[in-house]
Amino acid sequence: MLTLFSTWGCHLCDDAQALLEHSGAAFQVVDIVDDEQAMALFRTEIPVVYGAGLLLKWPFDAAVLAEFIAAVQSAGEQGE
């Protein structure tokens, strides 16, 4: 499962979430305001997508996201 690090009121985060929804990938949203460690790591970089130890930082489009999802799936299969 992917994690989208974002926060309320971030229009870029809304765009990233829409891309993830359109991709069909399973993901959860973590608001960095509610996660002290995420806030420290990503406060100036959101939106950020995380999966299988890999990070995808904004800006990205549907094609780049698809490549990232494939890399996450590959990394997950290797880790099993």
N, C-alpha and C. Protein backbone atom coordinates (compact mmCIF):
# COMPACT_ATOMS: atom_id res chain seq x y z
N MET A 1 0.85 -1.18 0.00
CA MET A 1 0.00 0.00 0.00
C MET A 1 0.89 1.24 0.00
N LEU A 2 0.46 2.25 -0.73
CA LEU A 2 1.18 3.51 -0.79
C LEU A 2 0.67 4.45 0.30
N THR A 3 1.50 5.40 0.66
CA THR A 3 1.11 6.45 1.60
C THR A 3 1.33 7.79 0.93
N LEU A 4 0.31 8.63 0.98
CA LEU A 4 0.41 10.00 0.49
C LEU A 4 0.53 10.91 1.70
N PHE A 5 1.67 11.57 1.82
CA PHE A 5 1.86 12.56 2.88
C PHE A 5 1.39 13.90 2.33
N SER A 6 0.45 14.50 3.04
CA SER A 6 -0.15 15.75 2.58
C SER A 6 -0.65 16.53 3.79
N THR A 7 -1.40 17.59 3.52
CA THR A 7 -2.07 18.31 4.59
C THR A 7 -3.30 19.01 4.03
N TRP A 8 -4.18 19.37 4.91
CA TRP A 8 -5.42 20.03 4.52
C TRP A 8 -5.11 21.39 3.90
N GLY A 9 -5.82 21.72 2.83
CA GLY A 9 -5.68 23.01 2.19
C GLY A 9 -4.54 23.10 1.19
N CYS A 10 -3.90 22.00 0.91
CA CYS A 10 -2.78 21.98 -0.03
C CYS A 10 -3.32 21.55 -1.40
N HIS A 11 -3.40 22.50 -2.34
CA HIS A 11 -3.98 22.16 -3.65
C HIS A 11 -3.10 21.18 -4.42
N LEU A 12 -1.81 21.21 -4.23
CA LEU A 12 -0.94 20.23 -4.89
C LEU A 12 -1.19 18.83 -4.33
N CYS A 13 -1.47 18.77 -3.03
CA CYS A 13 -1.80 17.48 -2.41
C CYS A 13 -3.11 16.94 -2.97
N ASP A 14 -4.07 17.82 -3.20
CA ASP A 14 -5.33 17.41 -3.82
C ASP A 14 -5.08 16.85 -5.22
N ASP A 15 -4.19 17.49 -5.96
CA ASP A 15 -3.85 17.01 -7.31
C ASP A 15 -3.19 15.64 -7.23
N ALA A 16 -2.27 15.46 -6.30
CA ALA A 16 -1.60 14.17 -6.13
C ALA A 16 -2.59 13.09 -5.74
N GLN A 17 -3.52 13.41 -4.85
CA GLN A 17 -4.52 12.44 -4.44
C GLN A 17 -5.40 12.04 -5.62
N ALA A 18 -5.77 13.00 -6.45
CA ALA A 18 -6.59 12.69 -7.64
C ALA A 18 -5.83 11.76 -8.58
N LEU A 19 -4.53 12.00 -8.76
CA LEU A 19 -3.72 11.11 -9.61
C LEU A 19 -3.67 9.70 -9.03
N LEU A 20 -3.50 9.60 -7.71
CA LEU A 20 -3.48 8.28 -7.07
C LEU A 20 -4.83 7.58 -7.22
N GLU A 21 -5.91 8.31 -7.01
CA GLU A 21 -7.24 7.71 -7.16
C GLU A 21 -7.44 7.22 -8.58
N HIS A 22 -7.02 8.00 -9.55
CA HIS A 22 -7.16 7.63 -10.96
C HIS A 22 -6.30 6.40 -11.30
N SER A 23 -5.16 6.24 -10.61
CA SER A 23 -4.26 5.11 -10.89
C SER A 23 -4.84 3.78 -10.44
N GLY A 24 -5.76 3.82 -9.47
CA GLY A 24 -6.33 2.59 -8.95
C GLY A 24 -5.48 1.92 -7.88
N ALA A 25 -4.35 2.52 -7.54
CA ALA A 25 -3.47 1.95 -6.52
C ALA A 25 -4.08 2.15 -5.14
N ALA A 26 -3.84 1.17 -4.27
CA ALA A 26 -4.29 1.29 -2.88
C ALA A 26 -3.37 2.27 -2.17
N PHE A 27 -3.97 3.22 -1.44
CA PHE A 27 -3.16 4.19 -0.72
C PHE A 27 -3.92 4.71 0.49
N GLN A 28 -3.14 5.22 1.43
CA GLN A 28 -3.70 5.91 2.58
C GLN A 28 -3.15 7.32 2.58
N VAL A 29 -3.87 8.22 3.20
CA VAL A 29 -3.43 9.61 3.29
C VAL A 29 -3.03 9.88 4.74
N VAL A 30 -1.83 10.44 4.91
CA VAL A 30 -1.35 10.84 6.23
C VAL A 30 -1.17 12.35 6.21
N ASP A 31 -1.90 13.03 7.10
CA ASP A 31 -1.75 14.47 7.23
C ASP A 31 -0.53 14.72 8.09
N ILE A 32 0.44 15.44 7.55
CA ILE A 32 1.69 15.64 8.28
C ILE A 32 1.50 16.41 9.58
N VAL A 33 0.41 17.15 9.69
CA VAL A 33 0.11 17.87 10.93
C VAL A 33 -0.11 16.89 12.08
N ASP A 34 -0.61 15.70 11.74
CA ASP A 34 -0.91 14.69 12.75
C ASP A 34 0.24 13.72 13.00
N ASP A 35 1.36 13.91 12.32
CA ASP A 35 2.48 12.98 12.42
C ASP A 35 3.78 13.78 12.56
N GLU A 36 4.30 13.83 13.77
CA GLU A 36 5.46 14.67 14.07
C GLU A 36 6.67 14.34 13.19
N GLN A 37 6.92 13.05 12.99
CA GLN A 37 8.06 12.64 12.17
C GLN A 37 7.85 13.05 10.71
N ALA A 38 6.65 12.85 10.18
CA ALA A 38 6.35 13.25 8.80
C ALA A 38 6.47 14.76 8.65
N MET A 39 6.04 15.50 9.65
CA MET A 39 6.15 16.96 9.59
C MET A 39 7.61 17.37 9.50
N ALA A 40 8.45 16.74 10.30
CA ALA A 40 9.88 17.07 10.28
C ALA A 40 10.51 16.74 8.93
N LEU A 41 10.08 15.65 8.33
CA LEU A 41 10.67 15.20 7.07
C LEU A 41 10.14 15.95 5.84
N PHE A 42 8.84 16.22 5.82
CA PHE A 42 8.21 16.64 4.57
C PHE A 42 7.54 18.01 4.61
N ARG A 43 7.73 18.78 5.64
CA ARG A 43 6.96 20.02 5.81
C ARG A 43 7.05 20.95 4.61
N THR A 44 8.18 20.98 3.89
CA THR A 44 8.31 21.86 2.73
C THR A 44 8.29 21.10 1.41
N GLU A 45 7.99 19.80 1.47
CA GLU A 45 8.09 18.98 0.25
C GLU A 45 6.79 18.30 -0.16
N ILE A 46 5.71 18.45 0.62
CA ILE A 46 4.48 17.75 0.27
C ILE A 46 3.91 18.28 -1.04
N PRO A 47 3.21 17.44 -1.76
CA PRO A 47 2.89 16.05 -1.47
C PRO A 47 4.04 15.10 -1.78
N VAL A 48 4.10 14.03 -1.00
CA VAL A 48 5.09 12.99 -1.17
C VAL A 48 4.37 11.65 -1.10
N VAL A 49 4.70 10.75 -2.02
CA VAL A 49 4.15 9.41 -2.02
C VAL A 49 5.25 8.45 -1.58
N TYR A 50 4.91 7.54 -0.67
CA TYR A 50 5.87 6.58 -0.14
C TYR A 50 5.35 5.17 -0.36
N GLY A 51 6.27 4.28 -0.68
CA GLY A 51 5.93 2.86 -0.78
C GLY A 51 7.18 2.02 -0.90
N ALA A 52 7.26 0.93 -0.16
CA ALA A 52 8.36 -0.03 -0.23
C ALA A 52 9.74 0.63 -0.10
N GLY A 53 9.82 1.64 0.76
CA GLY A 53 11.09 2.31 0.99
C GLY A 53 11.44 3.36 -0.05
N LEU A 54 10.55 3.60 -0.99
CA LEU A 54 10.79 4.56 -2.07
C LEU A 54 9.93 5.81 -1.87
N LEU A 55 10.47 6.96 -2.26
CA LEU A 55 9.74 8.23 -2.17
C LEU A 55 9.57 8.84 -3.54
N LEU A 56 8.40 9.40 -3.79
CA LEU A 56 8.13 10.18 -4.99
C LEU A 56 7.68 11.55 -4.54
N LYS A 57 8.49 12.57 -4.84
CA LYS A 57 8.18 13.93 -4.42
C LYS A 57 7.59 14.71 -5.59
N TRP A 58 6.71 15.62 -5.25
CA TRP A 58 6.08 16.50 -6.24
C TRP A 58 7.15 17.38 -6.86
N PRO A 59 7.09 17.67 -8.15
CA PRO A 59 5.98 17.44 -9.08
C PRO A 59 6.09 16.09 -9.79
N PHE A 60 4.93 15.50 -10.05
CA PHE A 60 4.85 14.29 -10.86
C PHE A 60 3.51 14.28 -11.58
N ASP A 61 3.48 13.53 -12.68
CA ASP A 61 2.24 13.39 -13.44
C ASP A 61 1.83 11.92 -13.43
N ALA A 62 0.79 11.58 -14.17
CA ALA A 62 0.27 10.22 -14.17
C ALA A 62 1.30 9.22 -14.67
N ALA A 63 2.09 9.60 -15.68
CA ALA A 63 3.09 8.69 -16.22
C ALA A 63 4.20 8.41 -15.21
N VAL A 64 4.68 9.45 -14.55
CA VAL A 64 5.73 9.28 -13.54
C VAL A 64 5.19 8.47 -12.36
N LEU A 65 3.95 8.73 -11.96
CA LEU A 65 3.33 7.98 -10.88
C LEU A 65 3.21 6.51 -11.25
N ALA A 66 2.83 6.21 -12.48
CA ALA A 66 2.72 4.82 -12.92
C ALA A 66 4.07 4.12 -12.84
N GLU A 67 5.14 4.80 -13.23
CA GLU A 67 6.49 4.22 -13.13
C GLU A 67 6.85 3.97 -11.67
N PHE A 68 6.50 4.91 -10.81
CA PHE A 68 6.78 4.76 -9.38
C PHE A 68 6.02 3.57 -8.80
N ILE A 69 4.75 3.44 -9.14
CA ILE A 69 3.94 2.32 -8.65
C ILE A 69 4.55 0.99 -9.10
N ALA A 70 5.00 0.93 -10.35
CA ALA A 70 5.64 -0.29 -10.86
C ALA A 70 6.92 -0.59 -10.07
N ALA A 71 7.69 0.44 -9.76
CA ALA A 71 8.93 0.26 -8.99
C ALA A 71 8.61 -0.22 -7.57
N VAL A 72 7.56 0.32 -6.96
CA VAL A 72 7.14 -0.09 -5.62
C VAL A 72 6.71 -1.55 -5.65
N GLN A 73 5.93 -1.92 -6.65
CA GLN A 73 5.47 -3.31 -6.75
C GLN A 73 6.64 -4.25 -6.95
N SER A 74 7.60 -3.87 -7.76
CA SER A 74 8.79 -4.68 -7.98
C SER A 74 9.59 -4.82 -6.71
N ALA A 75 9.78 -3.71 -5.99
CA ALA A 75 10.53 -3.74 -4.73
C ALA A 75 9.80 -4.60 -3.71
N GLY A 76 8.48 -4.53 -3.69
CA GLY A 76 7.70 -5.34 -2.76
C GLY A 76 7.81 -6.81 -3.05
N GLU A 77 7.83 -7.18 -4.32
CA GLU A 77 7.98 -8.58 -4.70
C GLU A 77 9.36 -9.12 -4.34
N GLN A 78 10.37 -8.29 -4.47
CA GLN A 78 11.73 -8.70 -4.12
C GLN A 78 11.89 -8.84 -2.62
N GLY A 79 11.12 -8.06 -1.87
CA GLY A 79 11.21 -8.10 -0.43
C GLY A 79 10.45 -9.23 0.22
N GLU A 80 9.64 -9.94 -0.55
CA GLU A 80 8.81 -11.02 0.01
C GLU A 80 9.61 -12.28 0.20
